[in-house]
PDB file of N, CA and C in Angstrom:
ATOM      1  N   MET A   1      92.714  93.580 103.460  1.00  0.00           N
ATOM      2  CA  MET A   1      94.199  94.240 103.525  1.00  0.00           C
ATOM      3  C   MET A   1      94.978  93.304 101.771  1.00  0.00           C
ATOM      4  N   TYR A   2      95.415  94.214 101.925  1.00  0.00           N
ATOM      5  CA  TYR A   2      96.537  93.824 100.516  1.00  0.00           C
ATOM      6  C   TYR A   2      97.484  92.474 100.839  1.00  0.00           C
ATOM      7  N   VAL A   3      97.188  92.155  99.699  1.00  0.00           N
ATOM      8  CA  VAL A   3      98.026  90.129  99.562  1.00  0.00           C
ATOM      9  C   VAL A   3      99.477  90.370  98.170  1.00  0.00           C
ATOM     10  N   SER A   4     100.483  90.411  98.628  1.00  0.00           N
ATOM     11  CA  SER A   4     101.401  90.103  97.619  1.00  0.00           C
ATOM     12  C   SER A   4     101.325  89.073  96.979  1.00  0.00           C
ATOM     13  N   PRO A   5     102.008  89.369  95.959  1.00  0.00           N
ATOM     14  CA  PRO A   5     101.492  88.098  94.670  1.00  0.00           C
ATOM     15  C   PRO A   5     102.848  86.901  94.680  1.00  0.00           C
ATOM     16  N   PHE A   6     103.245  87.494  96.179  1.00  0.00           N
ATOM     17  CA  PHE A   6     104.303  86.433  96.112  1.00  0.00           C
ATOM     18  C   PHE A   6     104.038  85.697  96.894  1.00  0.00           C
ATOM     19  N   ALA A   7     102.291  85.430  97.623  1.00  0.00           N
ATOM     20  CA  ALA A   7     102.599  84.903  98.968  1.00  0.00           C
ATOM     21  C   ALA A   7     100.826  84.222  98.699  1.00  0.00           C
ATOM     22  N   GLU A   8     100.914  83.156  98.701  1.00  0.00           N
ATOM     23  CA  GLU A   8      99.381  82.529  98.535  1.00  0.00           C
ATOM     24  C   GLU A   8      98.426  83.503  99.229  1.00  0.00           C
ATOM     25  N   LYS A   9      97.291  83.467  99.000  1.00  0.00           N
ATOM     26  CA  LYS A   9      96.318  84.112  99.522  1.00  0.00           C
ATOM     27  C   LYS A   9      95.483  83.007 100.829  1.00  0.00           C
ATOM     28  N   SER A  10      95.921  82.900 101.913  1.00  0.00           N
ATOM     29  CA  SER A  10      95.177  81.823 102.948  1.00  0.00           C
ATOM     30  C   SER A  10      95.293  82.736 103.733  1.00  0.00           C
ATOM     31  N   GLY A  11      94.996  81.604 105.212  1.00  0.00           N
ATOM     32  CA  GLY A  11      94.715  82.380 106.772  1.00  0.00           C
ATOM     33  C   GLY A  11      94.177  83.751 106.781  1.00  0.00           C
ATOM     34  N   PHE A  12      94.056  84.269 108.292  1.00  0.00           N
ATOM     35  CA  PHE A  12      94.076  84.919 108.450  1.00  0.00           C
ATOM     36  C   PHE A  12      94.897  86.285 109.148  1.00  0.00           C
ATOM     37  N   TYR A  13      94.776  87.882 109.959  1.00  0.00           N
ATOM     38  CA  TYR A  13      95.039  88.568 110.336  1.00  0.00           C
ATOM     39  C   TYR A  13      94.579  89.148 111.458  1.00  0.00           C
ATOM     40  N   LYS A  14      95.318  88.823 112.991  1.00  0.00           N
ATOM     41  CA  LYS A  14      94.805  89.783 114.077  1.00  0.00           C
ATOM     42  C   LYS A  14      95.624  90.240 114.497  1.00  0.00           C
ATOM     43  N   PHE A  15      94.824  91.952 114.510  1.00  0.00           N
ATOM     44  CA  PHE A  15      94.931  92.565 114.984  1.00  0.00           C
ATOM     45  C   PHE A  15      95.054  93.168 117.077  1.00  0.00           C
ATOM     46  N   ASN A  16      96.078  93.519 116.951  1.00  0.00           N
ATOM     47  CA  ASN A  16      96.139  94.366 118.503  1.00  0.00           C
ATOM     48  C   ASN A  16      96.060  95.910 118.687  1.00  0.00           C
ATOM     49  N   LEU A  17      95.687  96.839 119.306  1.00  0.00           N
ATOM     50  CA  LEU A  17      95.844  97.842 119.446  1.00  0.00           C
ATOM     51  C   LEU A  17      95.455  97.703 120.596  1.00  0.00           C
ATOM     52  N   SER A  18      96.536  98.856 121.818  1.00  0.00           N
ATOM     53  CA  SER A  18      96.407  99.539 122.832  1.00  0.00           C
ATOM     54  C   SER A  18      96.961 100.874 122.745  1.00  0.00           C
ATOM     55  N   ARG A  19      96.498 101.551 123.755  1.00  0.00           N
ATOM     56  CA  ARG A  19      96.718 103.166 123.619  1.00  0.00           C
ATOM     57  C   ARG A  19      97.771 103.087 125.047  1.00  0.00           C
ATOM     58  N   ASN A  20      97.633 102.797 125.858  1.00  0.00           N
ATOM     59  CA  ASN A  20      98.545 102.896 127.162  1.00  0.00           C
ATOM     60  C   ASN A  20      99.513 101.462 127.522  1.00  0.00           C
ATOM     61  N   PRO A  21      99.820 100.814 127.740  1.00  0.00           N
ATOM     62  CA  PRO A  21     100.823 102.027 126.484  1.00  0.00           C
ATOM     63  C   PRO A  21     100.728 101.697 125.403  1.00  0.00           C
ATOM     64  N   PHE A  22     101.365 102.605 124.489  1.00  0.00           N
ATOM     65  CA  PHE A  22     100.784 102.502 123.094  1.00  0.00           C
ATOM     66  C   PHE A  22     101.885 101.614 122.475  1.00  0.00           C
ATOM     67  N   LYS A  23     100.520  99.991 122.112  1.00  0.00           N
ATOM     68  CA  LYS A  23     101.083  99.289 120.855  1.00  0.00           C
ATOM     69  C   LYS A  23     100.805  98.924 119.996  1.00  0.00           C
ATOM     70  N   ILE A  24     100.899  98.433 118.739  1.00  0.00           N
ATOM     71  CA  ILE A  24     100.087  97.804 117.963  1.00  0.00           C
ATOM     72  C   ILE A  24     101.141  96.777 117.695  1.00  0.00           C
ATOM     73  N   LYS A  25     100.618  95.126 117.216  1.00  0.00           N
ATOM     74  CA  LYS A  25     100.622  93.998 117.025  1.00  0.00           C
ATOM     75  C   LYS A  25      99.182  93.860 116.040  1.00  0.00           C
ATOM     76  N   ILE A  26     100.182  93.064 114.821  1.00  0.00           N
ATOM     77  CA  ILE A  26      99.763  92.479 113.502  1.00  0.00           C
ATOM     78  C   ILE A  26     100.133  91.153 113.371  1.00  0.00           C
ATOM     79  N   ASN A  27     100.006  90.264 113.362  1.00  0.00           N
ATOM     80  CA  ASN A  27     100.045  88.472 113.316  1.00  0.00           C
ATOM     81  C   ASN A  27      98.895  87.867 112.507  1.00  0.00           C
ATOM     82  N   GLN A  28      99.786  87.154 111.593  1.00  0.00           N
ATOM     83  CA  GLN A  28      99.691  86.739 110.017  1.00  0.00           C
ATOM     84  C   GLN A  28      99.298  85.418 110.587  1.00  0.00           C
ATOM     85  N   PHE A  29      97.999  84.629 110.797  1.00  0.00           N
ATOM     86  CA  PHE A  29      98.085  83.008 110.720  1.00  0.00           C
ATOM     87  C   PHE A  29      97.661  82.316 109.356  1.00  0.00           C
ATOM     88  N   ASN A  30      98.297  81.341 109.164  1.00  0.00           N
ATOM     89  CA  ASN A  30      97.927  80.363 108.104  1.00  0.00           C
ATOM     90  C   ASN A  30      96.279  79.116 108.431  1.00  0.00           C
ATOM     91  N   LYS A  31      95.797  79.088 107.381  1.00  0.00           N
ATOM     92  CA  LYS A  31      94.644  78.332 107.961  1.00  0.00           C
ATOM     93  C   LYS A  31      94.656  76.870 109.002  1.00  0.00           C
ATOM     94  N   GLU A  32      95.986  76.765 109.473  1.00  0.00           N
ATOM     95  CA  GLU A  32      95.557  75.749 110.385  1.00  0.00           C
ATOM     96  C   GLU A  32      96.118  76.305 111.897  1.00  0.00           C
ATOM     97  N   LYS A  33      95.604  77.577 112.011  1.00  0.00           N
ATOM     98  CA  LYS A  33      95.961  78.819 112.675  1.00  0.00           C
ATOM     99  C   LYS A  33      97.202  78.688 113.820  1.00  0.00           C
ATOM    100  N   LYS A  34      98.409  78.483 112.669  1.00  0.00           N
ATOM    101  CA  LYS A  34      99.344  78.831 112.691  1.00  0.00           C
ATOM    102  C   LYS A  34     100.397  79.937 112.668  1.00  0.00           C
ATOM    103  N   ALA A  35     100.098  81.300 113.769  1.00  0.00           N
ATOM    104  CA  ALA A  35     101.414  82.208 113.264  1.00  0.00           C
ATOM    105  C   ALA A  35     102.494  81.566 112.702  1.00  0.00           C
ATOM    106  N   GLU A  36     102.545  82.509 111.495  1.00  0.00           N
ATOM    107  CA  GLU A  36     103.584  82.798 110.296  1.00  0.00           C
ATOM    108  C   GLU A  36     104.594  84.003 110.756  1.00  0.00           C
ATOM    109  N   ILE A  37     103.468  84.685 110.286  1.00  0.00           N
ATOM    110  CA  ILE A  37     104.416  86.394 110.835  1.00  0.00           C
ATOM    111  C   ILE A  37     103.936  86.578 112.291  1.00  0.00           C
ATOM    112  N   VAL A  38     104.637  87.352 112.955  1.00  0.00           N
ATOM    113  CA  VAL A  38     105.027  87.957 113.874  1.00  0.00           C
ATOM    114  C   VAL A  38     105.051  89.308 114.799  1.00  0.00           C
ATOM    115  N   THR A  39     104.571  90.206 114.469  1.00  0.00           N
ATOM    116  CA  THR A  39     104.646  92.109 114.315  1.00  0.00           C
ATOM    117  C   THR A  39     104.460  92.936 115.653  1.00  0.00           C
ATOM    118  N   ASN A  40     105.059  93.356 116.057  1.00  0.00           N
ATOM    119  CA  ASN A  40     104.509  94.278 117.326  1.00  0.00           C
ATOM    120  C   ASN A  40     105.797  96.029 117.447  1.00  0.00           C
ATOM    121  N   ILE A  41     105.101  97.128 117.835  1.00  0.00           N
ATOM    122  CA  ILE A  41     105.837  98.079 117.384  1.00  0.00           C
ATOM    123  C   ILE A  41     104.958  98.914 118.578  1.00  0.00           C
ATOM    124  N   ARG A  42     106.089  99.881 120.008  1.00  0.00           N
ATOM    125  CA  ARG A  42     105.666 100.282 120.678  1.00  0.00           C
ATOM    126  C   ARG A  42     106.172 102.018 120.533  1.00  0.00           C
ATOM    127  N   GLY A  43     105.516 102.672 121.096  1.00  0.00           N
ATOM    128  CA  GLY A  43     105.680 103.838 121.212  1.00  0.00           C
ATOM    129  C   GLY A  43     105.557 104.000 122.315  1.00  0.00           C
ATOM    130  N   THR A  44     105.646 106.118 122.447  1.00  0.00           N
ATOM    131  CA  THR A  44     105.187 107.422 123.290  1.00  0.00           C
ATOM    132  C   THR A  44     104.050 108.087 122.435  1.00  0.00           C
ATOM    133  N   ILE A  45     102.983 108.473 122.486  1.00  0.00           N
ATOM    134  CA  ILE A  45     102.598 109.782 122.224  1.00  0.00           C
ATOM    135  C   ILE A  45     102.769 110.669 123.087  1.00  0.00           C
ATOM    136  N   SER A  46     102.924 111.779 121.599  1.00  0.00           N
ATOM    137  CA  SER A  46     103.735 113.111 122.804  1.00  0.00           C
ATOM    138  C   SER A  46     103.337 113.787 121.535  1.00  0.00           C
ATOM    139  N   LYS A  47     102.904 114.901 121.849  1.00  0.00           N
ATOM    140  CA  LYS A  47     102.588 115.868 121.145  1.00  0.00           C
ATOM    141  C   LYS A  47     103.112 116.872 120.231  1.00  0.00           C
ATOM    142  N   MET A  48     103.685 117.384 119.095  1.00  0.00           N
ATOM    143  CA  MET A  48     103.925 118.311 118.099  1.00  0.00           C
ATOM    144  C   MET A  48     103.286 119.318 117.894  1.00  0.00           C
ATOM    145  N   ILE A  49     104.518 120.537 117.896  1.00  0.00           N
ATOM    146  CA  ILE A  49     104.278 121.328 117.458  1.00  0.00           C
ATOM    147  C   ILE A  49     105.011 122.504 116.623  1.00  0.00           C
ATOM    148  N   GLY A  50     105.020 123.288 115.883  1.00  0.00           N
ATOM    149  CA  GLY A  50     105.425 123.731 115.163  1.00  0.00           C
ATOM    150  C   GLY A  50     106.517 123.395 114.251  1.00  0.00           C
ATOM    151  N   ILE A  51     107.628 123.428 114.196  1.00  0.00           N
ATOM    152  CA  ILE A  51     109.054 122.864 112.715  1.00  0.00           C
ATOM    153  C   ILE A  51     108.715 121.494 113.368  1.00  0.00           C
ATOM    154  N   LYS A  52     108.892 120.737 114.688  1.00  0.00           N
ATOM    155  CA  LYS A  52     108.928 119.323 114.543  1.00  0.00           C
ATOM    156  C   LYS A  52     107.600 119.021 113.830  1.00  0.00           C
ATOM    157  N   LYS A  53     106.606 119.447 113.506  1.00  0.00           N
ATOM    158  CA  LYS A  53     105.289 118.663 113.140  1.00  0.00           C
ATOM    159  C   LYS A  53     105.349 118.405 111.650  1.00  0.00           C
ATOM    160  N   LEU A  54     105.556 120.074 111.254  1.00  0.00           N
ATOM    161  CA  LEU A  54     106.085 120.401 109.678  1.00  0.00           C
ATOM    162  C   LEU A  54     107.241 119.269 109.471  1.00  0.00           C
ATOM    163  N   ILE A  55     108.722 118.218 110.523  1.00  0.00           N
ATOM    164  CA  ILE A  55     109.592 118.024 109.879  1.00  0.00           C
ATOM    165  C   ILE A  55     109.012 116.580 109.675  1.00  0.00           C
ATOM    166  N   PHE A  56     107.995 115.874 110.945  1.00  0.00           N
ATOM    167  CA  PHE A  56     107.227 114.875 110.534  1.00  0.00           C
ATOM    168  C   PHE A  56     106.492 114.766 109.705  1.00  0.00           C
ATOM    169  N   TYR A  57     106.109 115.848 109.061  1.00  0.00           N
ATOM    170  CA  TYR A  57     104.988 115.456 108.087  1.00  0.00           C
ATOM    171  C   TYR A  57     105.459 115.000 106.761  1.00  0.00           C
ATOM    172  N   PHE A  58     106.787 115.867 106.368  1.00  0.00           N
ATOM    173  CA  PHE A  58     107.457 115.964 105.290  1.00  0.00           C
ATOM    174  C   PHE A  58     108.138 114.085 105.458  1.00  0.00           C
ATOM    175  N   GLY A  59     108.789 114.042 106.662  1.00  0.00           N
ATOM    176  CA  GLY A  59     109.682 112.871 106.917  1.00  0.00           C
ATOM    177  C   GLY A  59     108.635 111.284 106.391  1.00  0.00           C
ATOM    178  N   LEU A  60     107.411 111.802 107.089  1.00  0.00           N
ATOM    179  CA  LEU A  60     106.264 110.954 106.395  1.00  0.00           C
ATOM    180  C   LEU A  60     106.290 110.718 105.724  1.00  0.00           C
ATOM    181  N   ALA A  61     105.781 111.568 104.534  1.00  0.00           N
ATOM    182  CA  ALA A  61     105.932 111.199 102.692  1.00  0.00           C
ATOM    183  C   ALA A  61     106.602 110.382 102.390  1.00  0.00           C
ATOM    184  N   LEU A  62     107.989 111.344 102.825  1.00  0.00           N
ATOM    185  CA  LEU A  62     109.365 111.141 102.376  1.00  0.00           C
ATOM    186  C   LEU A  62     109.653 108.983 102.632  1.00  0.00           C
ATOM    187  N   SER A  63     109.213 108.762 103.973  1.00  0.00           N
ATOM    188  CA  SER A  63     108.927 107.576 104.271  1.00  0.00           C
ATOM    189  C   SER A  63     108.299 106.526 104.449  1.00  0.00           C
ATOM    190  N   SER A  64     106.923 107.077 103.319  1.00  0.00           N
ATOM    191  CA  SER A  64     106.294 106.677 102.824  1.00  0.00           C
ATOM    192  C   SER A  64     107.496 105.944 101.149  1.00  0.00           C
ATOM    193  N   LEU A  65     107.297 107.053 100.175  1.00  0.00           N
ATOM    194  CA  LEU A  65     108.031 106.843  98.843  1.00  0.00           C
ATOM    195  C   LEU A  65     108.731 105.813  98.653  1.00  0.00           C
ATOM    196  N   LEU A  66     109.797 106.414 100.396  1.00  0.00           N
ATOM    197  CA  LEU A  66     110.688 105.284 100.252  1.00  0.00           C
ATOM    198  C   LEU A  66     110.504 104.038 100.104  1.00  0.00           C
ATOM    199  N   VAL A  67     109.732 103.516 101.284  1.00  0.00           N
ATOM    200  CA  VAL A  67     108.673 101.743 101.284  1.00  0.00           C
ATOM    201  C   VAL A  67     108.436 101.869 100.245  1.00  0.00           C
ATOM    202  N   LEU A  68     107.913 102.562  99.298  1.00  0.00           N
ATOM    203  CA  LEU A  68     107.371 102.198  97.952  1.00  0.00           C
ATOM    204  C   LEU A  68     108.570 101.307  97.047  1.00  0.00           C
ATOM    205  N   PHE A  69     109.415 102.654  97.397  1.00  0.00           N
ATOM    206  CA  PHE A  69     110.255 102.462  96.552  1.00  0.00           C
ATOM    207  C   PHE A  69     111.178 100.856  96.228  1.00  0.00           C
ATOM    208  N   ARG A  70     111.256 100.375  97.481  1.00  0.00           N
ATOM    209  CA  ARG A  70     111.974  99.157  98.642  1.00  0.00           C
ATOM    210  C   ARG A  70     110.981  98.048  98.174  1.00  0.00           C
ATOM    211  N   ILE A  71     109.686  98.021  98.103  1.00  0.00           N
ATOM    212  CA  ILE A  71     109.097  97.318  98.080  1.00  0.00           C
ATOM    213  C   ILE A  71     108.806  97.208  96.463  1.00  0.00           C
ATOM    214  N   HIS A  72     108.771  97.737  96.005  1.00  0.00           N
ATOM    215  CA  HIS A  72     108.925  97.054  94.234  1.00  0.00           C
ATOM    216  C   HIS A  72     110.521  96.639  93.488  1.00  0.00           C
ATOM    217  N   ILE A  73     111.711  97.278  94.434  1.00  0.00           N
ATOM    218  CA  ILE A  73     112.761  96.834  93.584  1.00  0.00           C
ATOM    219  C   ILE A  73     112.933  95.271  95.002  1.00  0.00           C
ATOM    220  N   GLN A  74     112.788  95.049  96.192  1.00  0.00           N
ATOM    221  CA  GLN A  74     112.374  93.672  96.721  1.00  0.00           C
ATOM    222  C   GLN A  74     111.686  92.939  95.586  1.00  0.00           C
ATOM    223  N   ALA A  75     110.625  93.020  94.948  1.00  0.00           N
ATOM    224  CA  ALA A  75     109.704  92.137  93.868  1.00  0.00           C
ATOM    225  C   ALA A  75     110.203  91.884  93.034  1.00  0.00           C
ATOM    226  N   PHE A  76     110.828  92.894  92.130  1.00  0.00           N
ATOM    227  CA  PHE A  76     111.945  93.180  91.038  1.00  0.00           C
ATOM    228  C   PHE A  76     112.960  91.527  91.468  1.00  0.00           C
ATOM    229  N   PHE A  77     113.423  91.459  92.335  1.00  0.00           N
ATOM    230  CA  PHE A  77     114.542  90.816  93.167  1.00  0.00           C
ATOM    231  C   PHE A  77     113.911  89.401  93.331  1.00  0.00           C
ATOM    232  N   LEU A  78     112.514  89.346  93.503  1.00  0.00           N
ATOM    233  CA  LEU A  78     111.610  87.842  93.780  1.00  0.00           C
ATOM    234  C   LEU A  78     111.599  87.399  91.794  1.00  0.00           C
ATOM    235  N   TRP A  79     111.025  88.104  91.251  1.00  0.00           N
ATOM    236  CA  TRP A  79     110.884  87.892  90.071  1.00  0.00           C
ATOM    237  C   TRP A  79     111.481  87.346  89.302  1.00  0.00           C
ATOM    238  N   ILE A  80     112.823  88.343  89.204  1.00  0.00           N
ATOM    239  CA  ILE A  80     113.998  87.835  88.538  1.00  0.00           C
ATOM    240  C   ILE A  80     114.946  86.439  88.954  1.00  0.00           C
ATOM    241  N   LYS A  81     114.582  86.006  90.445  1.00  0.00           N
ATOM    242  CA  LYS A  81     114.666  84.685  90.710  1.00  0.00           C
ATOM    243  C   LYS A  81     113.924  83.890  90.304  1.00  0.00           C
ATOM    244  N   LYS A  82     113.200  83.854  89.800  1.00  0.00           N
ATOM    245  CA  LYS A  82     111.467  83.668  89.186  1.00  0.00           C
ATOM    246  C   LYS A  82     110.300  82.681  90.806  1.00  0.00           C
ATOM    247  N   PHE A  83     110.625  83.067  91.502  1.00  0.00           N
ATOM    248  CA  PHE A  83     109.446  83.056  92.801  1.00  0.00           C
ATOM    249  C   PHE A  83     108.274  82.967  91.995  1.00  0.00           C
ATOM    250  N   LYS A  84     107.583  82.422  92.687  1.00  0.00           N
ATOM    251  CA  LYS A  84     105.952  81.475  92.699  1.00  0.00           C
ATOM    252  C   LYS A  84     105.409  82.969  92.694  1.00  0.00           C
ATOM    253  N   ILE A  85     104.792  83.195  91.578  1.00  0.00           N
ATOM    254  CA  ILE A  85     103.244  83.857  91.664  1.00  0.00           C
ATOM    255  C   ILE A  85     102.084  83.555  91.455  1.00  0.00           C
ATOM    256  N   PHE A  86     101.106  83.861  92.617  1.00  0.00           N
ATOM    257  CA  PHE A  86      99.815  83.736  92.925  1.00  0.00           C
ATOM    258  C   PHE A  86      99.064  84.539  92.392  1.00  0.00           C
ATOM    259  N   PRO A  87      97.777  84.126  91.782  1.00  0.00           N
ATOM    260  CA  PRO A  87      97.043  85.483  90.677  1.00  0.00           C
ATOM    261  C   PRO A  87      96.065  85.733  92.247  1.00  0.00           C
ATOM    262  N   HIS A  88      95.418  86.783  91.787  1.00  0.00           N
ATOM    263  CA  HIS A  88      94.727  87.286  93.375  1.00  0.00           C
ATOM    264  C   HIS A  88      93.210  87.854  92.799  1.00  0.00           C
ATOM    265  N   GLY A  89      93.030  87.423  91.558  1.00  0.00           N
ATOM    266  CA  GLY A  89      92.010  87.719  91.038  1.00  0.00           C
ATOM    267  C   GLY A  89      92.400  89.497  90.811  1.00  0.00           C
ATOM    268  N   ASP A  90      91.453  90.326  90.502  1.00  0.00           N
ATOM    269  CA  ASP A  90      91.250  91.463  89.861  1.00  0.00           C
ATOM    270  C   ASP A  90      92.011  92.431  90.862  1.00  0.00           C
ATOM    271  N   SER A  91      91.465  92.925  92.054  1.00  0.00           N
ATOM    272  CA  SER A  91      91.995  93.149  92.787  1.00  0.00           C
ATOM    273  C   SER A  91      93.355  93.495  93.178  1.00  0.00           C
ATOM    274  N   GLY A  92      93.822  92.653  94.073  1.00  0.00           N
ATOM    275  CA  GLY A  92      94.894  91.886  94.477  1.00  0.00           C
ATOM    276  C   GLY A  92      94.329  92.139  96.536  1.00  0.00           C
ATOM    277  N   TYR A  93      93.374  92.141  96.531  1.00  0.00           N
ATOM    278  CA  TYR A  93      92.644  92.019  98.247  1.00  0.00           C
ATOM    279  C   TYR A  93      92.800  91.090  98.569  1.00  0.00           C
ATOM    280  N   ALA A  94      93.014  90.303  99.779  1.00  0.00           N
ATOM    281  CA  ALA A  94      92.673  89.132 100.734  1.00  0.00           C
ATOM    282  C   ALA A  94      90.852  89.342 100.167  1.00  0.00           C
ATOM    283  N   ASP A  95      90.179  88.226 100.501  1.00  0.00           N
ATOM    284  CA  ASP A  95      88.586  88.358 100.698  1.00  0.00           C
ATOM    285  C   ASP A  95      88.248  88.207 101.970  1.00  0.00           C
TER     286      ASP A  95
END
């Protein structure tokens, strides 16, 4: 998993996925096993056909580009505020 250069590379993640009901949980824990970030999303699974499917895929692509843009804007603001940067080696990924 990619680690932000503005976050120390330590701790671990726990993933929980369920299909019925559809739920995804991703939690981040520090070295002392204390939860630092707790996230979850729920929804329903539905079949898409025709124009709905096309709109969904275009929306997904646009959403991905917007997320990428917003991540870089927030990183720029953190850099301007001189937040501490943690080097993570060559790849930037957690071990």
